[in-house]
């Protein structure tokens, strides 16, 4: 009888050790995941703080192909972070004729209404296809409306700049 009690106690102790091992392992795994997520969020916030750009030389002209209004402007990287992933950048245009906002996606070449594209990269020597700090690009927004009044450019990391059209 005493042997059965000792075997039962040994099995109980082994089960307690296994449960404790699983609990400690899961706590360590969760803490590593949380720490990694906090580090990633901090890095994204740092990148966001370093990203800044300005919109200048804004003008509009009638597109001869679609009779819609095109927006020309210069964007200058005034921050210390490189702006690159243009396919993830959005342009929002407010059309005063319809009272609505329209989203315009990036296109690598001009010619399609409802898109925006880079038409002049200036002297882009150091990092081709990336807007380095201090560089300027000339962009063209081919709108689908006849009376754009305001537009906003938003980068992939949610930094934006806007301008009214006169």
Protein backbone atom coordinates (compact mmCIF):
# COMPACT_ATOMS: atom_id res chain seq x y z
CA UNK A 1 0.00 0.00 0.00
CA UNK A 2 2.83 2.36 0.83
CA UNK A 3 4.40 1.74 -2.58
CA UNK A 4 1.17 2.78 -4.32
CA UNK A 5 1.10 6.05 -2.37
CA UNK A 6 4.71 6.76 -3.33
CA UNK A 7 4.02 6.04 -7.01
CA UNK A 8 0.95 8.30 -6.90
CA UNK A 9 2.95 11.08 -5.25
CA UNK A 10 5.76 10.69 -7.82
CA UNK A 11 3.26 10.91 -10.71
CA UNK A 12 1.70 13.99 -9.09
CA UNK A 13 5.08 15.67 -8.73
CA UNK A 14 5.96 14.85 -12.36
CA UNK A 15 2.65 16.32 -13.53
CA UNK A 16 3.25 19.47 -11.49
CA UNK A 17 6.73 19.84 -13.03
CA UNK A 18 5.32 19.40 -16.56
CA UNK A 19 2.55 21.95 -15.95
CA UNK A 20 5.06 24.41 -14.47
CA UNK A 21 7.38 23.89 -17.45
CA UNK A 22 4.53 24.56 -19.89
CA UNK A 23 3.42 27.67 -18.00
CA UNK A 24 6.93 29.12 -17.80
CA UNK A 25 7.55 28.32 -21.47
CA UNK A 26 4.34 30.01 -22.60
CA UNK A 27 5.02 33.08 -20.42
CA UNK A 28 8.51 33.41 -21.91
CA UNK A 29 7.16 32.99 -25.45
CA UNK A 30 4.45 35.61 -24.89
CA UNK A 31 6.93 38.07 -23.37
CA UNK A 32 9.25 37.67 -26.38
CA UNK A 33 6.33 38.31 -28.75
CA UNK A 34 5.23 41.41 -26.83
CA UNK A 35 8.79 42.75 -26.68
CA UNK A 36 9.24 42.22 -30.42
CA UNK A 37 5.95 43.97 -31.18
CA UNK A 38 6.87 46.93 -28.96
CA UNK A 39 10.27 47.21 -30.66
CA UNK A 40 8.65 47.18 -34.12
CA UNK A 41 6.13 49.83 -33.10
CA UNK A 42 8.90 52.03 -31.72
CA UNK A 43 10.93 51.71 -34.93
CA UNK A 44 7.88 52.64 -37.01
CA UNK A 45 7.22 55.67 -34.82
CA UNK A 46 10.86 56.76 -35.16
CA UNK A 47 10.66 56.41 -38.93
CA UNK A 48 7.43 58.42 -38.94
CA UNK A 49 9.01 61.20 -36.89
CA UNK A 50 11.92 61.45 -39.34
CA UNK A 51 9.69 61.54 -42.44
CA UNK A 52 8.65 64.98 -43.66
CA UNK A 53 7.98 66.44 -47.08
CA UNK A 54 6.59 69.64 -48.54
CA UNK A 55 4.40 70.36 -51.55
CA UNK A 56 5.40 73.41 -53.62
CA UNK A 57 4.92 74.88 -57.10
CA UNK A 58 1.35 73.63 -57.38
CA UNK A 59 -0.50 74.27 -60.64
CA UNK A 60 -3.40 72.86 -62.63
CA UNK A 61 -3.95 72.41 -66.33
CA UNK A 62 -6.59 70.84 -68.52
CA UNK A 63 -5.66 67.39 -69.81
CA UNK A 64 -6.00 67.46 -73.61
CA UNK A 65 -6.94 63.75 -73.74
CA UNK A 66 -9.71 63.65 -71.13
CA UNK A 67 -10.74 67.32 -70.69
CA UNK A 68 -10.23 66.79 -66.95
CA UNK A 69 -7.99 68.86 -64.70
CA UNK A 70 -4.44 67.64 -64.01
CA UNK A 71 -2.48 68.70 -60.93
CA UNK A 72 1.25 69.40 -61.21
CA UNK A 73 3.39 69.93 -58.13
CA UNK A 74 6.83 69.47 -56.66
CA UNK A 75 7.37 67.35 -53.56
CA UNK A 76 10.53 68.00 -51.55
CA UNK A 77 11.86 65.61 -48.92
CA UNK A 78 12.48 67.94 -45.96
CA UNK A 79 12.94 65.15 -43.40
CA UNK A 80 15.83 62.81 -42.72
CA UNK A 81 14.18 59.57 -43.87
CA UNK A 82 14.21 58.30 -47.48
CA UNK A 83 10.77 58.19 -49.10
CA UNK A 84 10.65 55.25 -51.47
CA UNK A 85 7.69 52.87 -51.67
CA UNK A 86 5.64 55.00 -54.07
CA UNK A 87 3.20 52.18 -54.85
CA UNK A 88 2.06 52.47 -51.22
CA UNK A 89 1.62 56.26 -51.38
CA UNK A 90 -1.84 57.70 -51.95
CA UNK A 91 -3.09 61.00 -53.28
CA UNK A 92 -6.52 62.23 -52.18
CA UNK A 93 -8.22 64.96 -54.19
CA UNK A 94 -11.27 66.97 -53.16
CA UNK A 95 -13.44 67.89 -56.13
CA UNK A 96 -15.43 71.05 -55.38
CA UNK A 97 -17.83 70.37 -58.28
CA UNK A 98 -19.09 67.10 -56.82
CA UNK A 99 -18.17 67.73 -53.17
CA UNK A 100 -16.43 64.37 -52.96
CA UNK A 101 -12.98 62.97 -52.24
CA UNK A 102 -11.23 60.68 -54.70
CA UNK A 103 -8.31 58.31 -54.06
CA UNK A 104 -5.57 58.18 -56.70
CA UNK A 105 -3.05 55.34 -56.85
CA UNK A 106 0.52 55.45 -58.15
CA UNK A 107 1.22 54.53 -61.77
CA UNK A 108 4.75 54.08 -63.09
CA UNK A 109 3.91 55.93 -66.32
CA UNK A 110 1.61 58.87 -67.07
CA UNK A 111 -1.42 58.50 -69.27
CA UNK A 112 -4.21 57.03 -67.16
CA UNK A 113 -6.86 59.22 -65.54
CA UNK A 114 -7.35 58.43 -61.87
CA UNK A 115 -3.65 57.90 -61.16
CA UNK A 116 -0.60 59.91 -60.15
CA UNK A 117 2.94 59.51 -61.40
CA UNK A 118 6.41 60.99 -61.06
CA UNK A 119 7.24 62.97 -64.21
CA UNK A 120 10.63 64.44 -63.24
CA UNK A 121 13.06 62.87 -60.79
CA UNK A 122 15.54 65.72 -61.03
CA UNK A 123 19.14 64.70 -60.37
CA UNK A 124 18.39 61.37 -58.71
CA UNK A 125 21.93 59.95 -58.58
CA UNK A 126 22.60 58.47 -55.13
CA UNK A 127 19.54 56.24 -54.62
CA UNK A 128 17.66 55.92 -57.91
CA UNK A 129 13.87 55.74 -57.57
CA UNK A 130 14.04 56.97 -53.95
CA UNK A 131 13.35 60.49 -52.75
CA UNK A 132 16.38 61.20 -50.57
CA UNK A 133 16.45 64.03 -48.01
CA UNK A 134 16.90 67.32 -49.86
CA UNK A 135 15.75 65.96 -53.24
CA UNK A 136 12.66 67.05 -55.16
CA UNK A 137 10.39 65.20 -57.57
CA UNK A 138 7.81 66.68 -59.91
CA UNK A 139 4.55 64.72 -59.89
CA UNK A 140 1.41 64.72 -62.03
CA UNK A 141 -2.04 63.78 -60.72
CA UNK A 142 -4.43 62.95 -63.54
CA UNK A 143 -7.81 63.61 -61.96
CA UNK A 144 -11.20 62.29 -62.97
CA UNK A 145 -12.94 65.57 -62.09
CA UNK A 146 -13.12 69.00 -63.64
CA UNK A 147 -12.73 71.12 -60.51
CA UNK A 148 -10.18 69.84 -57.96
CA UNK A 149 -9.82 72.26 -55.05
CA UNK A 150 -7.51 70.48 -52.59
CA UNK A 151 -5.24 67.45 -52.51
CA UNK A 152 -3.22 65.47 -49.98
CA UNK A 153 -0.28 63.13 -50.48
CA UNK A 154 0.15 60.38 -47.88
CA UNK A 155 3.29 58.25 -47.61
CA UNK A 156 3.40 54.54 -46.79
CA UNK A 157 4.12 55.32 -43.12
CA UNK A 158 1.10 57.66 -42.82
CA UNK A 159 2.91 61.01 -43.04
CA UNK A 160 0.99 63.49 -45.19
CA UNK A 161 1.11 66.95 -46.69
CA UNK A 162 -1.69 68.84 -48.42
CA UNK A 163 -2.22 71.88 -50.59
CA UNK A 164 -5.10 73.97 -51.84
CA UNK A 165 -5.37 74.60 -55.57
CA UNK A 166 -5.84 78.22 -56.54
